[in-house]
Amino acid sequence: QVQLVESGGGSVQAGGSLRLSCVDSNSGYKYRPYNMGWFRQAPGKEREGVAGIDWGGSKIVADSVKGRFTISKDNAKNTLYLQMNSLKPEDTAMYYCAADYYAKYGRSAPDQFRYWGQGILVTVSS
């Protein structure tokens, strides 16, 4: 069973940086070849994709964060990261990591991802 746990959120001023982490706490750091993604949901808005990485390491980043956010994965630790730089108030949202063996970020709707973390709050003040 995949169990995703996010960490690294918090409050930061505009222009600042945060790094989110997502670990599969049930994996025992054993590599699992699933596709993963970061999604976010701001109050009153629908969940939207931020970035994704497939099991082969191919990455996609949403246009809204391109050049500011970087997705990466440490397969040895089965941990997904989202480095967020030059944060803006509009980046304020709950951030979720997700994984699935078949759904793929950029080709699948969020609800096609089977495994989700509990979410972590990122607040960017102006």
C-alpha atoms as a PDB file:
ATOM      1  CA  GLN A   1       0.000   0.000   0.000  1.00  0.00           C
ATOM      2  CA  VAL A   2       1.312   3.428  -0.961  1.00  0.00           C
ATOM      3  CA  GLN A   3       1.166   6.030   1.788  1.00  0.00           C
ATOM      4  CA  LEU A   4       2.319   9.501   0.847  1.00  0.00           C
ATOM      5  CA  VAL A   5       3.351  12.067   3.439  1.00  0.00           C
ATOM      6  CA  GLU A   6       4.159  15.673   2.535  1.00  0.00           C
ATOM      7  CA  SER A   7       6.365  18.044   4.504  1.00  0.00           C
ATOM      8  CA  GLY A   8       8.082  21.384   4.093  1.00  0.00           C
ATOM      9  CA  GLY A   9       5.155  23.753   3.780  1.00  0.00           C
ATOM     10  CA  GLY A  10       4.712  26.944   5.721  1.00  0.00           C
ATOM     11  CA  SER A  11       4.486  30.695   5.425  1.00  0.00           C
ATOM     12  CA  VAL A  12       6.868  32.816   3.424  1.00  0.00           C
ATOM     13  CA  GLN A  13       6.990  36.307   2.009  1.00  0.00           C
ATOM     14  CA  ALA A  14       6.675  36.956  -1.697  1.00  0.00           C
ATOM     15  CA  GLY A  15       9.948  36.261  -3.461  1.00  0.00           C
ATOM     16  CA  GLY A  16      10.919  33.617  -0.949  1.00  0.00           C
ATOM     17  CA  SER A  17      11.496  29.885  -1.389  1.00  0.00           C
ATOM     18  CA  LEU A  18      10.225  26.629   0.044  1.00  0.00           C
ATOM     19  CA  ARG A  19      10.957  23.000  -0.684  1.00  0.00           C
ATOM     20  CA  LEU A  20       8.200  20.452  -0.364  1.00  0.00           C
ATOM     21  CA  SER A  21       8.957  16.788   0.155  1.00  0.00           C
ATOM     22  CA  CYS A  22       6.735  13.757  -0.308  1.00  0.00           C
ATOM     23  CA  VAL A  23       7.825  10.372   0.954  1.00  0.00           C
ATOM     24  CA  ASP A  24       6.128   7.035   0.481  1.00  0.00           C
ATOM     25  CA  SER A  25       6.259   6.025   4.109  1.00  0.00           C
ATOM     26  CA  ASN A  26       5.279   2.411   3.413  1.00  0.00           C
ATOM     27  CA  SER A  27       7.894   1.771   0.769  1.00  0.00           C
ATOM     28  CA  GLY A  28      10.793   1.043   3.092  1.00  0.00           C
ATOM     29  CA  TYR A  29      12.704   3.218   0.609  1.00  0.00           C
ATOM     30  CA  LYS A  30      12.248   0.473  -1.942  1.00  0.00           C
ATOM     31  CA  TYR A  31      11.929   1.900  -5.420  1.00  0.00           C
ATOM     32  CA  ARG A  32       8.389   1.883  -6.785  1.00  0.00           C
ATOM     33  CA  PRO A  33       7.969   2.631 -10.504  1.00  0.00           C
ATOM     34  CA  TYR A  34       4.921   4.859 -10.268  1.00  0.00           C
ATOM     35  CA  ASN A  35       4.269   8.224 -11.844  1.00  0.00           C
ATOM     36  CA  MET A  36       4.027  11.129  -9.426  1.00  0.00           C
ATOM     37  CA  GLY A  37       2.803  14.678  -9.404  1.00  0.00           C
ATOM     38  CA  TRP A  38       2.265  17.780  -7.349  1.00  0.00           C
ATOM     39  CA  PHE A  39      -1.144  19.406  -7.331  1.00  0.00           C
ATOM     40  CA  ARG A  40      -2.529  22.389  -5.468  1.00  0.00           C
ATOM     41  CA  GLN A  41      -5.881  23.778  -4.483  1.00  0.00           C
ATOM     42  CA  ALA A  42      -6.484  27.348  -3.442  1.00  0.00           C
ATOM     43  CA  PRO A  43      -9.602  28.334  -1.472  1.00  0.00           C
ATOM     44  CA  GLY A  44     -12.628  28.438  -3.749  1.00  0.00           C
ATOM     45  CA  LYS A  45     -10.712  27.067  -6.704  1.00  0.00           C
ATOM     46  CA  GLU A  46     -10.411  23.686  -8.353  1.00  0.00           C
ATOM     47  CA  ARG A  47      -7.415  21.458  -7.848  1.00  0.00           C
ATOM     48  CA  GLU A  48      -4.787  22.149 -10.483  1.00  0.00           C
ATOM     49  CA  GLY A  49      -1.608  20.456 -11.563  1.00  0.00           C
ATOM     50  CA  VAL A  50       1.736  21.983 -10.714  1.00  0.00           C
ATOM     51  CA  ALA A  51       4.344  19.499 -11.912  1.00  0.00           C
ATOM     52  CA  GLY A  52       4.799  15.813 -12.574  1.00  0.00           C
ATOM     53  CA  ILE A  53       7.475  13.219 -13.089  1.00  0.00           C
ATOM     54  CA  ASP A  54       7.009   9.783 -14.575  1.00  0.00           C
ATOM     55  CA  TRP A  55       8.667   6.550 -13.540  1.00  0.00           C
ATOM     56  CA  GLY A  56      11.349   7.096 -16.192  1.00  0.00           C
ATOM     57  CA  GLY A  57      12.221  10.560 -14.926  1.00  0.00           C
ATOM     58  CA  SER A  58      10.501  12.696 -17.563  1.00  0.00           C
ATOM     59  CA  LYS A  59       9.224  15.933 -16.081  1.00  0.00           C
ATOM     60  CA  ILE A  60       6.455  18.382 -16.870  1.00  0.00           C
ATOM     61  CA  VAL A  61       5.923  21.724 -15.158  1.00  0.00           C
ATOM     62  CA  ALA A  62       2.801  23.867 -15.450  1.00  0.00           C
ATOM     63  CA  ASP A  63       3.198  27.122 -17.354  1.00  0.00           C
ATOM     64  CA  SER A  64       2.104  29.102 -14.298  1.00  0.00           C
ATOM     65  CA  VAL A  65       5.160  27.981 -12.333  1.00  0.00           C
ATOM     66  CA  LYS A  66       7.667  27.305 -15.088  1.00  0.00           C
ATOM     67  CA  GLY A  67      11.038  28.851 -14.343  1.00  0.00           C
ATOM     68  CA  ARG A  68      10.183  29.127 -10.640  1.00  0.00           C
ATOM     69  CA  PHE A  69       9.337  25.581  -9.526  1.00  0.00           C
ATOM     70  CA  THR A  70      11.431  22.462 -10.031  1.00  0.00           C
ATOM     71  CA  ILE A  71      10.274  18.881  -9.525  1.00  0.00           C
ATOM     72  CA  SER A  72      12.719  16.124  -8.726  1.00  0.00           C
ATOM     73  CA  LYS A  73      12.754  12.639  -7.246  1.00  0.00           C
ATOM     74  CA  ASP A  74      15.283  10.712  -5.244  1.00  0.00           C
ATOM     75  CA  ASN A  75      14.607   7.098  -6.189  1.00  0.00           C
ATOM     76  CA  ALA A  76      16.939   5.785  -3.486  1.00  0.00           C
ATOM     77  CA  LYS A  77      14.764   7.465  -0.864  1.00  0.00           C
ATOM     78  CA  ASN A  78      11.493   7.171  -2.797  1.00  0.00           C
ATOM     79  CA  THR A  79      10.998  10.854  -2.104  1.00  0.00           C
ATOM     80  CA  LEU A  80       9.498  13.468  -4.393  1.00  0.00           C
ATOM     81  CA  TYR A  81      10.489  17.124  -4.111  1.00  0.00           C
ATOM     82  CA  LEU A  82       9.120  20.436  -5.279  1.00  0.00           C
ATOM     83  CA  GLN A  83      11.555  23.323  -5.059  1.00  0.00           C
ATOM     84  CA  MET A  84       9.573  26.553  -5.162  1.00  0.00           C
ATOM     85  CA  ASN A  85      11.439  29.800  -5.771  1.00  0.00           C
ATOM     86  CA  SER A  86      10.253  33.355  -6.374  1.00  0.00           C
ATOM     87  CA  LEU A  87       6.985  32.551  -4.663  1.00  0.00           C
ATOM     88  CA  LYS A  88       3.994  34.772  -5.326  1.00  0.00           C
ATOM     89  CA  PRO A  89       0.830  35.335  -3.263  1.00  0.00           C
ATOM     90  CA  GLU A  90      -1.121  33.477  -5.950  1.00  0.00           C
ATOM     91  CA  ASP A  91       0.911  30.355  -5.119  1.00  0.00           C
ATOM     92  CA  THR A  92      -0.910  30.184  -1.788  1.00  0.00           C
ATOM     93  CA  ALA A  93      -2.731  26.852  -1.646  1.00  0.00           C
ATOM     94  CA  MET A  94      -2.841  23.378  -0.182  1.00  0.00           C
ATOM     95  CA  TYR A  95      -0.268  21.320  -2.010  1.00  0.00           C
ATOM     96  CA  TYR A  96      -0.735  17.599  -2.542  1.00  0.00           C
ATOM     97  CA  CYS A  97       1.500  14.913  -3.935  1.00  0.00           C
ATOM     98  CA  ALA A  98      -0.026  12.029  -5.799  1.00  0.00           C
ATOM     99  CA  ALA A  99       1.139   8.741  -7.292  1.00  0.00           C
ATOM    100  CA  ASP A 100      -0.235   6.147  -9.633  1.00  0.00           C
ATOM    101  CA  TYR A 101       1.168   3.275 -11.617  1.00  0.00           C
ATOM    102  CA  TYR A 102      -0.893   4.167 -14.683  1.00  0.00           C
ATOM    103  CA  ALA A 103      -2.092   7.778 -14.512  1.00  0.00           C
ATOM    104  CA  LYS A 104       0.473  10.258 -15.699  1.00  0.00           C
ATOM    105  CA  TYR A 105       0.694  13.979 -15.011  1.00  0.00           C
ATOM    106  CA  GLY A 106      -0.199  16.003 -18.076  1.00  0.00           C
ATOM    107  CA  ARG A 107      -2.172  13.144 -19.629  1.00  0.00           C
ATOM    108  CA  SER A 108      -4.487  12.133 -16.806  1.00  0.00           C
ATOM    109  CA  ALA A 109      -6.994  14.041 -14.740  1.00  0.00           C
ATOM    110  CA  PRO A 110      -6.080  14.456 -11.069  1.00  0.00           C
ATOM    111  CA  ASP A 111      -8.818  12.094  -9.968  1.00  0.00           C
ATOM    112  CA  GLN A 112      -7.189   9.302 -11.934  1.00  0.00           C
ATOM    113  CA  PHE A 113      -4.300   9.283  -9.482  1.00  0.00           C
ATOM    114  CA  ARG A 114      -5.015   6.598  -6.906  1.00  0.00           C
ATOM    115  CA  TYR A 115      -2.705   7.612  -4.071  1.00  0.00           C
ATOM    116  CA  TRP A 116      -2.694  11.040  -2.405  1.00  0.00           C
ATOM    117  CA  GLY A 117      -0.943  12.657   0.501  1.00  0.00           C
ATOM    118  CA  GLN A 118      -2.855  14.537   3.155  1.00  0.00           C
ATOM    119  CA  GLY A 119      -1.818  17.905   1.779  1.00  0.00           C
ATOM    120  CA  ILE A 120       0.347  20.666   3.153  1.00  0.00           C
ATOM    121  CA  LEU A 121      -0.350  24.379   3.316  1.00  0.00           C
ATOM    122  CA  VAL A 122       1.807  26.963   1.591  1.00  0.00           C
ATOM    123  CA  THR A 123       1.037  30.596   2.360  1.00  0.00           C
ATOM    124  CA  VAL A 124       2.766  33.423   0.531  1.00  0.00           C
ATOM    125  CA  SER A 125       2.260  36.931   1.840  1.00  0.00           C
ATOM    126  CA  SER A 126       2.805  40.108  -0.128  1.00  0.00           C
END
